[in-house]
N, C-alpha and C. Protein backbone atom coordinates (compact mmCIF):
# COMPACT_ATOMS: atom_id res chain seq x y z
N MET A 1 23.99 -8.61 55.46
CA MET A 1 25.20 -8.35 54.69
C MET A 1 24.87 -8.30 53.20
N ALA A 2 25.32 -7.26 52.54
CA ALA A 2 25.06 -7.10 51.11
C ALA A 2 26.06 -7.90 50.30
N PHE A 3 25.56 -8.55 49.26
CA PHE A 3 26.38 -9.34 48.37
C PHE A 3 26.96 -8.42 47.30
N ALA A 4 28.23 -8.57 46.99
CA ALA A 4 28.87 -7.76 45.95
C ALA A 4 28.62 -8.40 44.59
N HIS A 5 27.69 -7.83 43.84
CA HIS A 5 27.39 -8.33 42.50
C HIS A 5 28.47 -7.87 41.53
N GLU A 6 28.92 -8.80 40.70
CA GLU A 6 29.97 -8.47 39.73
C GLU A 6 29.54 -8.85 38.33
N ARG A 7 29.93 -8.02 37.37
CA ARG A 7 29.70 -8.36 35.97
C ARG A 7 30.86 -9.24 35.53
N LEU A 8 30.53 -10.44 35.07
CA LEU A 8 31.56 -11.38 34.62
C LEU A 8 31.86 -11.24 33.13
N SER A 9 30.84 -10.86 32.36
CA SER A 9 31.04 -10.67 30.92
C SER A 9 29.97 -9.73 30.39
N ARG A 10 30.22 -9.21 29.19
CA ARG A 10 29.27 -8.29 28.55
C ARG A 10 29.30 -8.54 27.05
N GLU A 11 28.11 -8.61 26.46
CA GLU A 11 27.97 -8.75 25.01
C GLU A 11 27.08 -7.63 24.49
N GLU A 12 27.63 -6.85 23.55
CA GLU A 12 26.83 -5.77 22.97
C GLU A 12 25.80 -6.34 22.01
N ARG A 13 24.54 -5.94 22.18
CA ARG A 13 23.45 -6.39 21.31
C ARG A 13 23.06 -5.33 20.29
N TYR A 14 23.18 -4.06 20.71
CA TYR A 14 22.78 -2.95 19.84
C TYR A 14 23.52 -1.70 20.31
N HIS A 15 23.97 -0.89 19.35
CA HIS A 15 24.59 0.39 19.69
C HIS A 15 23.93 1.46 18.82
N GLY A 16 23.31 2.44 19.46
CA GLY A 16 22.64 3.50 18.73
C GLY A 16 23.06 4.87 19.21
N ALA A 17 22.47 5.88 18.61
CA ALA A 17 22.81 7.26 18.94
C ALA A 17 22.33 7.67 20.33
N ILE A 18 21.23 7.09 20.79
CA ILE A 18 20.66 7.50 22.07
C ILE A 18 20.91 6.48 23.17
N PHE A 19 20.90 5.21 22.82
CA PHE A 19 21.12 4.17 23.83
C PHE A 19 21.80 2.96 23.20
N SER A 20 22.36 2.13 24.06
CA SER A 20 22.97 0.86 23.66
C SER A 20 22.41 -0.24 24.55
N VAL A 21 22.37 -1.46 24.02
CA VAL A 21 21.84 -2.59 24.76
C VAL A 21 22.92 -3.66 24.88
N TYR A 22 23.07 -4.19 26.09
CA TYR A 22 24.06 -5.22 26.39
C TYR A 22 23.39 -6.38 27.13
N THR A 23 24.00 -7.55 27.01
CA THR A 23 23.65 -8.66 27.89
C THR A 23 24.85 -8.91 28.77
N ASP A 24 24.65 -8.77 30.08
CA ASP A 24 25.70 -8.98 31.07
C ASP A 24 25.47 -10.30 31.79
N GLU A 25 26.52 -11.01 32.08
CA GLU A 25 26.47 -12.17 32.98
C GLU A 25 26.91 -11.64 34.34
N VAL A 26 26.03 -11.78 35.35
CA VAL A 26 26.22 -11.15 36.65
C VAL A 26 26.11 -12.18 37.76
N THR A 27 26.98 -12.02 38.77
CA THR A 27 26.87 -12.89 39.94
C THR A 27 25.63 -12.49 40.74
N MET A 28 24.94 -13.49 41.28
CA MET A 28 23.70 -13.27 42.04
C MET A 28 23.94 -13.49 43.54
N SER A 29 23.01 -13.01 44.34
CA SER A 29 23.11 -13.10 45.80
C SER A 29 23.16 -14.54 46.31
N ASP A 30 22.58 -15.49 45.56
CA ASP A 30 22.58 -16.88 46.00
C ASP A 30 23.83 -17.65 45.58
N GLY A 31 24.79 -16.94 44.98
CA GLY A 31 26.03 -17.57 44.56
C GLY A 31 26.05 -17.98 43.10
N GLY A 32 24.89 -17.98 42.44
CA GLY A 32 24.83 -18.33 41.02
C GLY A 32 25.12 -17.14 40.14
N THR A 33 24.85 -17.32 38.86
CA THR A 33 24.99 -16.22 37.90
C THR A 33 23.71 -16.15 37.07
N ALA A 34 23.50 -15.01 36.43
CA ALA A 34 22.33 -14.83 35.58
C ALA A 34 22.65 -13.81 34.50
N ALA A 35 21.97 -13.96 33.37
CA ALA A 35 22.09 -13.00 32.29
C ALA A 35 21.11 -11.86 32.55
N ARG A 36 21.57 -10.64 32.38
CA ARG A 36 20.73 -9.46 32.56
C ARG A 36 20.93 -8.53 31.37
N ASP A 37 19.83 -8.20 30.69
CA ASP A 37 19.89 -7.23 29.61
C ASP A 37 19.89 -5.83 30.22
N VAL A 38 20.76 -4.97 29.68
CA VAL A 38 20.95 -3.63 30.23
C VAL A 38 20.89 -2.61 29.09
N VAL A 39 20.11 -1.57 29.31
CA VAL A 39 20.07 -0.45 28.37
C VAL A 39 20.89 0.68 28.99
N GLU A 40 21.93 1.11 28.29
CA GLU A 40 22.73 2.26 28.74
C GLU A 40 22.28 3.48 27.95
N ASN A 41 22.05 4.56 28.69
CA ASN A 41 21.47 5.77 28.14
C ASN A 41 22.29 6.97 28.61
N ARG A 42 22.30 8.03 27.84
CA ARG A 42 23.06 9.23 28.20
C ARG A 42 22.50 9.97 29.40
N GLY A 43 21.25 9.71 29.74
CA GLY A 43 20.60 10.44 30.81
C GLY A 43 19.93 11.69 30.27
N ALA A 44 19.17 12.33 31.13
CA ALA A 44 18.38 13.47 30.68
C ALA A 44 18.20 14.48 31.81
N VAL A 45 17.75 15.65 31.40
CA VAL A 45 17.33 16.68 32.34
C VAL A 45 15.87 17.00 32.04
N VAL A 46 15.16 17.40 33.08
CA VAL A 46 13.75 17.77 32.98
C VAL A 46 13.60 19.09 33.73
N VAL A 47 12.67 19.94 33.29
CA VAL A 47 12.52 21.26 33.88
C VAL A 47 11.08 21.51 34.31
N VAL A 48 10.90 21.74 35.61
CA VAL A 48 9.63 22.26 36.12
C VAL A 48 9.78 23.77 36.10
N ALA A 49 9.23 24.40 35.08
CA ALA A 49 9.31 25.86 34.93
C ALA A 49 8.06 26.46 35.57
N LEU A 50 8.26 27.18 36.67
CA LEU A 50 7.17 27.72 37.47
C LEU A 50 7.17 29.24 37.38
N ASP A 51 6.06 29.79 36.90
CA ASP A 51 6.02 31.25 36.77
C ASP A 51 5.56 31.90 38.08
N ASP A 52 5.49 33.23 38.09
CA ASP A 52 5.16 33.96 39.32
C ASP A 52 3.68 33.88 39.68
N GLN A 53 2.88 33.19 38.85
CA GLN A 53 1.47 32.96 39.16
C GLN A 53 1.22 31.51 39.56
N ASP A 54 2.33 30.78 39.88
CA ASP A 54 2.25 29.39 40.33
C ASP A 54 1.77 28.45 39.22
N ARG A 55 2.09 28.83 37.97
CA ARG A 55 1.74 27.98 36.83
C ARG A 55 2.99 27.30 36.31
N VAL A 56 2.80 26.06 35.86
CA VAL A 56 3.88 25.24 35.32
C VAL A 56 3.76 25.22 33.80
N VAL A 57 4.90 25.26 33.13
CA VAL A 57 4.92 25.16 31.68
C VAL A 57 4.88 23.68 31.31
N LEU A 58 3.78 23.28 30.67
CA LEU A 58 3.65 21.92 30.16
C LEU A 58 3.80 21.94 28.65
N ILE A 59 4.34 20.86 28.12
CA ILE A 59 4.40 20.70 26.68
C ILE A 59 3.66 19.41 26.32
N ARG A 60 3.07 19.40 25.16
CA ARG A 60 2.39 18.20 24.67
C ARG A 60 3.05 17.84 23.35
N GLN A 61 3.61 16.62 23.31
CA GLN A 61 4.27 16.20 22.08
C GLN A 61 4.03 14.72 21.84
N TYR A 62 4.20 14.34 20.58
CA TYR A 62 3.98 12.95 20.18
C TYR A 62 5.14 12.08 20.65
N ARG A 63 4.81 10.93 21.24
CA ARG A 63 5.79 9.95 21.68
C ARG A 63 5.49 8.63 20.98
N HIS A 64 6.31 8.31 19.99
CA HIS A 64 6.04 7.15 19.14
C HIS A 64 5.95 5.82 19.90
N PRO A 65 6.86 5.51 20.86
CA PRO A 65 6.75 4.21 21.52
C PRO A 65 5.40 3.94 22.17
N VAL A 66 4.70 4.98 22.63
CA VAL A 66 3.38 4.78 23.22
C VAL A 66 2.26 5.20 22.27
N GLY A 67 2.63 5.71 21.11
CA GLY A 67 1.66 6.02 20.06
C GLY A 67 0.66 7.11 20.41
N GLN A 68 1.10 8.09 21.20
CA GLN A 68 0.17 9.17 21.55
C GLN A 68 0.91 10.44 21.92
N HIS A 69 0.15 11.52 21.94
CA HIS A 69 0.66 12.81 22.42
C HIS A 69 0.55 12.79 23.94
N LEU A 70 1.61 13.20 24.63
CA LEU A 70 1.64 13.21 26.10
C LEU A 70 1.91 14.62 26.61
N TRP A 71 1.27 14.94 27.74
CA TRP A 71 1.63 16.16 28.47
C TRP A 71 2.87 15.86 29.28
N GLU A 72 3.89 16.68 29.12
CA GLU A 72 5.17 16.47 29.76
C GLU A 72 5.74 17.81 30.22
N LEU A 73 6.92 17.76 30.77
CA LEU A 73 7.70 18.94 31.10
C LEU A 73 8.79 19.11 30.05
N PRO A 74 9.27 20.32 29.81
CA PRO A 74 10.42 20.47 28.92
C PRO A 74 11.57 19.58 29.40
N ALA A 75 12.20 18.91 28.46
CA ALA A 75 13.24 17.94 28.83
C ALA A 75 14.12 17.65 27.64
N GLY A 76 15.27 17.04 27.93
CA GLY A 76 16.14 16.64 26.84
C GLY A 76 17.28 15.79 27.32
N LEU A 77 17.89 15.11 26.37
CA LEU A 77 19.04 14.26 26.67
C LEU A 77 20.25 15.10 27.06
N ARG A 78 21.10 14.52 27.86
CA ARG A 78 22.40 15.14 28.14
C ARG A 78 23.32 14.76 26.99
N ASP A 79 23.13 15.43 25.86
CA ASP A 79 23.83 15.03 24.64
C ASP A 79 25.01 15.91 24.28
N VAL A 80 25.34 16.90 25.11
CA VAL A 80 26.53 17.71 24.89
C VAL A 80 27.55 17.30 25.96
N VAL A 81 28.58 16.61 25.53
CA VAL A 81 29.57 16.07 26.46
C VAL A 81 30.19 17.19 27.29
N GLY A 82 30.17 17.00 28.61
CA GLY A 82 30.78 17.96 29.52
C GLY A 82 29.93 19.17 29.87
N GLU A 83 28.75 19.29 29.26
CA GLU A 83 27.91 20.45 29.54
C GLU A 83 27.31 20.32 30.94
N ASP A 84 27.34 21.39 31.70
CA ASP A 84 26.73 21.42 33.02
C ASP A 84 25.24 21.13 32.88
N GLU A 85 24.70 20.30 33.77
CA GLU A 85 23.30 19.89 33.65
C GLU A 85 22.33 21.06 33.74
N ALA A 86 22.64 22.07 34.56
CA ALA A 86 21.77 23.24 34.65
C ALA A 86 21.75 24.01 33.32
N LEU A 87 22.88 24.05 32.63
CA LEU A 87 22.92 24.69 31.30
C LEU A 87 22.09 23.89 30.30
N THR A 88 22.18 22.56 30.39
CA THR A 88 21.37 21.70 29.52
C THR A 88 19.89 21.98 29.77
N ALA A 89 19.52 22.06 31.04
CA ALA A 89 18.13 22.33 31.39
C ALA A 89 17.68 23.69 30.82
N GLY A 90 18.52 24.69 30.95
CA GLY A 90 18.20 26.01 30.41
C GLY A 90 18.06 25.99 28.90
N ARG A 91 18.94 25.24 28.24
CA ARG A 91 18.87 25.13 26.77
C ARG A 91 17.57 24.46 26.35
N GLU A 92 17.19 23.37 27.03
CA GLU A 92 15.96 22.66 26.69
C GLU A 92 14.73 23.53 26.94
N LEU A 93 14.74 24.31 28.02
CA LEU A 93 13.63 25.21 28.31
C LEU A 93 13.48 26.24 27.19
N ALA A 94 14.59 26.77 26.74
CA ALA A 94 14.56 27.75 25.64
C ALA A 94 14.08 27.11 24.34
N GLU A 95 14.58 25.90 24.03
CA GLU A 95 14.23 25.25 22.77
C GLU A 95 12.77 24.80 22.74
N GLU A 96 12.27 24.28 23.85
CA GLU A 96 10.93 23.68 23.84
C GLU A 96 9.83 24.63 24.30
N ALA A 97 10.16 25.63 25.09
CA ALA A 97 9.11 26.50 25.63
C ALA A 97 9.38 27.99 25.37
N ASP A 98 10.45 28.30 24.66
CA ASP A 98 10.79 29.69 24.34
C ASP A 98 10.93 30.56 25.58
N LEU A 99 11.55 29.97 26.63
CA LEU A 99 11.71 30.69 27.90
C LEU A 99 13.14 30.59 28.41
N THR A 100 13.54 31.60 29.16
CA THR A 100 14.77 31.55 29.94
C THR A 100 14.37 31.64 31.41
N ALA A 101 15.29 31.27 32.28
CA ALA A 101 15.01 31.30 33.72
C ALA A 101 16.11 32.05 34.44
N GLY A 102 15.73 32.93 35.35
CA GLY A 102 16.70 33.63 36.18
C GLY A 102 17.30 32.73 37.24
N ARG A 103 16.54 31.69 37.64
CA ARG A 103 17.01 30.72 38.63
C ARG A 103 16.70 29.31 38.14
N ILE A 104 17.71 28.46 38.15
CA ILE A 104 17.52 27.04 37.87
C ILE A 104 18.27 26.28 38.95
N GLU A 105 17.53 25.43 39.68
CA GLU A 105 18.15 24.69 40.76
C GLU A 105 17.66 23.25 40.77
N PRO A 106 18.51 22.33 41.20
CA PRO A 106 18.10 20.92 41.25
C PRO A 106 16.89 20.73 42.16
N LEU A 107 15.95 19.91 41.70
CA LEU A 107 14.75 19.62 42.47
C LEU A 107 14.74 18.19 42.97
N ILE A 108 14.95 17.23 42.06
CA ILE A 108 14.88 15.81 42.42
C ILE A 108 15.66 15.00 41.38
N ASP A 109 16.21 13.87 41.82
CA ASP A 109 16.92 12.93 40.94
C ASP A 109 16.15 11.62 40.90
N LEU A 110 16.21 10.94 39.75
CA LEU A 110 15.56 9.64 39.67
C LEU A 110 16.20 8.74 38.62
N HIS A 111 16.11 7.44 38.89
CA HIS A 111 16.42 6.41 37.90
C HIS A 111 15.07 5.99 37.33
N THR A 112 14.91 6.09 36.01
CA THR A 112 13.59 5.89 35.42
C THR A 112 13.15 4.43 35.40
N SER A 113 14.03 3.52 35.10
CA SER A 113 13.68 2.09 35.01
C SER A 113 14.89 1.25 35.43
N PRO A 114 15.26 1.27 36.72
CA PRO A 114 16.51 0.62 37.14
C PRO A 114 16.52 -0.89 37.02
N GLY A 115 15.40 -1.50 36.71
CA GLY A 115 15.38 -2.94 36.50
C GLY A 115 16.08 -3.37 35.22
N PHE A 116 16.19 -2.45 34.25
CA PHE A 116 16.87 -2.81 33.00
C PHE A 116 17.66 -1.67 32.38
N ALA A 117 17.55 -0.45 32.91
CA ALA A 117 18.23 0.69 32.29
C ALA A 117 18.99 1.50 33.33
N ASP A 118 20.09 2.11 32.89
CA ASP A 118 20.87 2.95 33.80
C ASP A 118 20.50 4.42 33.70
N GLU A 119 19.43 4.75 32.98
CA GLU A 119 19.08 6.15 32.77
C GLU A 119 18.88 6.89 34.09
N PHE A 120 19.58 8.01 34.21
CA PHE A 120 19.51 8.89 35.37
C PHE A 120 18.96 10.22 34.90
N VAL A 121 17.94 10.71 35.58
CA VAL A 121 17.31 11.98 35.22
C VAL A 121 17.41 12.94 36.39
N ARG A 122 17.85 14.13 36.12
CA ARG A 122 17.85 15.20 37.13
C ARG A 122 16.76 16.18 36.72
N VAL A 123 15.85 16.44 37.66
CA VAL A 123 14.76 17.38 37.44
C VAL A 123 15.15 18.70 38.10
N PHE A 124 15.03 19.77 37.35
CA PHE A 124 15.36 21.11 37.83
C PHE A 124 14.09 21.93 38.01
N LEU A 125 14.15 22.85 38.96
CA LEU A 125 13.10 23.85 39.15
C LEU A 125 13.61 25.15 38.54
N ALA A 126 12.85 25.70 37.62
CA ALA A 126 13.22 26.97 36.97
C ALA A 126 12.20 28.03 37.35
N ARG A 127 12.71 29.18 37.80
CA ARG A 127 11.83 30.29 38.18
C ARG A 127 12.38 31.59 37.60
N ASP A 128 11.66 32.66 37.82
CA ASP A 128 12.01 33.97 37.24
C ASP A 128 12.09 33.83 35.71
N LEU A 129 10.98 33.43 35.12
CA LEU A 129 10.92 33.12 33.69
C LEU A 129 10.78 34.38 32.84
N SER A 130 11.42 34.35 31.68
CA SER A 130 11.33 35.44 30.69
C SER A 130 11.26 34.80 29.31
N PRO A 131 10.57 35.47 28.37
CA PRO A 131 10.50 34.92 27.01
C PRO A 131 11.82 35.07 26.26
N VAL A 132 12.11 34.10 25.43
CA VAL A 132 13.23 34.19 24.51
C VAL A 132 12.80 35.16 23.40
N PRO A 133 13.64 36.14 23.03
CA PRO A 133 13.26 37.04 21.94
C PRO A 133 12.88 36.26 20.68
N GLU A 134 11.88 36.76 20.01
CA GLU A 134 11.34 36.09 18.81
C GLU A 134 12.44 35.68 17.83
N ALA A 135 13.39 36.56 17.58
CA ALA A 135 14.45 36.29 16.59
C ALA A 135 15.41 35.19 17.04
N ASP A 136 15.46 34.91 18.34
CA ASP A 136 16.40 33.93 18.86
C ASP A 136 15.77 32.57 19.14
N ARG A 137 14.52 32.38 18.78
CA ARG A 137 13.82 31.14 19.12
C ARG A 137 14.26 29.98 18.24
N HIS A 138 14.27 28.82 18.85
CA HIS A 138 14.65 27.57 18.21
C HIS A 138 13.58 27.15 17.20
N VAL A 139 14.00 26.69 16.02
CA VAL A 139 13.06 26.18 15.03
C VAL A 139 12.80 24.71 15.35
N ARG A 140 11.54 24.39 15.61
CA ARG A 140 11.18 23.03 16.00
C ARG A 140 10.87 22.20 14.76
N THR A 141 11.44 20.98 14.74
CA THR A 141 11.23 20.07 13.61
C THR A 141 10.83 18.70 14.16
N ALA A 142 10.58 17.77 13.24
CA ALA A 142 10.22 16.38 13.56
C ALA A 142 9.03 16.35 14.52
N GLU A 143 9.10 15.54 15.60
CA GLU A 143 7.96 15.45 16.50
C GLU A 143 7.74 16.72 17.30
N GLU A 144 8.71 17.62 17.32
CA GLU A 144 8.54 18.89 18.04
C GLU A 144 7.83 19.94 17.19
N ALA A 145 7.62 19.66 15.88
CA ALA A 145 7.02 20.65 14.99
C ALA A 145 5.61 21.04 15.42
N ASP A 146 4.85 20.10 16.01
CA ASP A 146 3.50 20.42 16.45
C ASP A 146 3.40 20.47 17.98
N LEU A 147 4.51 20.69 18.63
CA LEU A 147 4.57 20.75 20.08
C LEU A 147 3.66 21.88 20.58
N GLN A 148 2.84 21.57 21.58
CA GLN A 148 1.98 22.56 22.20
C GLN A 148 2.58 22.98 23.54
N VAL A 149 2.51 24.25 23.86
CA VAL A 149 3.00 24.76 25.14
C VAL A 149 1.82 25.39 25.86
N ARG A 150 1.66 25.02 27.13
CA ARG A 150 0.57 25.56 27.93
C ARG A 150 1.05 25.79 29.36
N ARG A 151 0.55 26.84 29.99
CA ARG A 151 0.83 27.07 31.41
C ARG A 151 -0.39 26.63 32.21
N VAL A 152 -0.13 25.77 33.20
CA VAL A 152 -1.20 25.18 34.00
C VAL A 152 -0.84 25.35 35.47
N ASP A 153 -1.82 25.74 36.28
CA ASP A 153 -1.61 25.90 37.71
C ASP A 153 -0.99 24.62 38.29
N LEU A 154 -0.01 24.78 39.18
CA LEU A 154 0.69 23.63 39.74
C LEU A 154 -0.27 22.65 40.40
N ASP A 155 -1.25 23.14 41.16
CA ASP A 155 -2.20 22.23 41.80
C ASP A 155 -3.03 21.48 40.76
N GLU A 156 -3.37 22.12 39.65
CA GLU A 156 -4.09 21.43 38.58
C GLU A 156 -3.19 20.38 37.93
N CYS A 157 -1.90 20.66 37.80
CA CYS A 157 -0.96 19.66 37.27
C CYS A 157 -0.95 18.42 38.15
N VAL A 158 -0.93 18.63 39.46
CA VAL A 158 -0.96 17.50 40.39
C VAL A 158 -2.27 16.72 40.20
N ALA A 159 -3.38 17.41 40.04
CA ALA A 159 -4.66 16.74 39.79
C ALA A 159 -4.60 15.95 38.48
N MET A 160 -3.96 16.52 37.46
CA MET A 160 -3.81 15.81 36.18
C MET A 160 -3.04 14.51 36.36
N VAL A 161 -2.00 14.54 37.23
CA VAL A 161 -1.24 13.33 37.53
C VAL A 161 -2.18 12.27 38.09
N PHE A 162 -2.98 12.64 39.07
CA PHE A 162 -3.85 11.66 39.73
C PHE A 162 -5.03 11.23 38.87
N ARG A 163 -5.37 12.03 37.86
CA ARG A 163 -6.41 11.63 36.91
C ARG A 163 -5.84 10.79 35.76
N GLY A 164 -4.53 10.59 35.75
CA GLY A 164 -3.90 9.82 34.68
C GLY A 164 -3.72 10.59 33.39
N GLU A 165 -3.76 11.91 33.46
CA GLU A 165 -3.59 12.74 32.27
C GLU A 165 -2.13 13.10 32.03
N ILE A 166 -1.30 12.98 33.05
CA ILE A 166 0.15 13.15 32.92
C ILE A 166 0.75 11.84 33.40
N THR A 167 1.40 11.10 32.48
CA THR A 167 1.92 9.77 32.81
C THR A 167 3.41 9.63 32.60
N ASN A 168 4.06 10.62 32.00
CA ASN A 168 5.50 10.58 31.84
C ASN A 168 6.13 10.55 33.23
N ALA A 169 6.95 9.54 33.52
CA ALA A 169 7.46 9.31 34.87
C ALA A 169 8.23 10.51 35.43
N ALA A 170 9.08 11.10 34.64
CA ALA A 170 9.86 12.24 35.12
C ALA A 170 8.96 13.44 35.37
N ALA A 171 7.95 13.63 34.55
CA ALA A 171 7.00 14.73 34.76
C ALA A 171 6.21 14.51 36.05
N VAL A 172 5.74 13.28 36.26
CA VAL A 172 5.00 12.96 37.48
C VAL A 172 5.86 13.27 38.70
N CYS A 173 7.08 12.75 38.71
CA CYS A 173 7.98 12.98 39.85
C CYS A 173 8.28 14.45 40.04
N GLY A 174 8.57 15.15 38.95
CA GLY A 174 8.91 16.56 39.03
C GLY A 174 7.76 17.41 39.55
N LEU A 175 6.56 17.15 39.07
CA LEU A 175 5.40 17.93 39.50
C LEU A 175 5.07 17.68 40.97
N LEU A 176 5.10 16.41 41.38
CA LEU A 176 4.81 16.11 42.79
C LEU A 176 5.89 16.70 43.70
N ALA A 177 7.14 16.63 43.27
CA ALA A 177 8.23 17.20 44.06
C ALA A 177 8.11 18.72 44.14
N ALA A 178 7.76 19.36 43.03
CA ALA A 178 7.61 20.82 43.04
C ALA A 178 6.48 21.24 43.96
N ALA A 179 5.37 20.52 43.92
CA ALA A 179 4.25 20.86 44.79
C ALA A 179 4.64 20.69 46.26
N ARG A 180 5.33 19.63 46.58
CA ARG A 180 5.76 19.40 47.97
C ARG A 180 6.77 20.45 48.40
N ALA A 181 7.71 20.79 47.52
CA ALA A 181 8.71 21.81 47.85
C ALA A 181 8.04 23.16 48.07
N ARG A 182 7.09 23.51 47.20
CA ARG A 182 6.37 24.77 47.36
C ARG A 182 5.61 24.79 48.69
N ASP A 183 4.92 23.67 48.99
CA ASP A 183 4.13 23.60 50.22
C ASP A 183 4.99 23.67 51.48
N SER A 184 6.28 23.36 51.35
CA SER A 184 7.21 23.45 52.48
C SER A 184 7.81 24.84 52.58
N GLY A 185 7.40 25.75 51.71
CA GLY A 185 8.00 27.08 51.68
C GLY A 185 9.37 27.05 51.04
N TRP A 186 9.61 26.06 50.17
CA TRP A 186 10.86 25.88 49.44
C TRP A 186 12.01 25.45 50.35
N THR A 187 11.71 25.07 51.58
CA THR A 187 12.78 24.67 52.52
C THR A 187 13.42 23.34 52.15
N LEU A 188 12.75 22.54 51.33
CA LEU A 188 13.30 21.25 50.92
C LEU A 188 14.38 21.38 49.85
N LEU A 189 14.42 22.49 49.15
CA LEU A 189 15.41 22.65 48.08
C LEU A 189 16.81 22.71 48.66
N GLY A 190 17.71 22.00 48.01
CA GLY A 190 19.10 22.00 48.43
C GLY A 190 19.39 21.12 49.63
N SER A 191 18.38 20.37 50.10
CA SER A 191 18.63 19.49 51.26
C SER A 191 18.98 18.10 50.82
């Protein structure tokens, strides 16, 4: 029998533009209570952009919390209220990789760190890729100013995951899911 955990109280510790932090007092399965710190986040979308040569669009950008440049997939926060997630994914693909997609479909969903955060990420598969016209391209600033874009064979991306060269959790999940979906003849999509 599952115990119904309830939040008894909440204290805001920090409120920011991207996330907020709270301390909740929560009932526990043993009948007691405990304080749990919770990070609330807007959530994000991630895009596995796969071209007709079975190559994935990877981006390399600086991530300050880990102090290094990481190979990742195009991604972004769900920061436009009410925007359809597939549109958000398409916007991020255009902004970060200068590409549009004829098809964008959900690939996999994940909670990135459910032990302390509510962040929910939806990973999309984008195919039928076309370049964004030069005049319409997004101007990249801040940490995106030196963003590198590279197309890498999907099987090589999977090898990069296992060699520890791709460590971003959503990228790892998205690449492994894309490889499995491809190997199934795409029959896993939409199931």
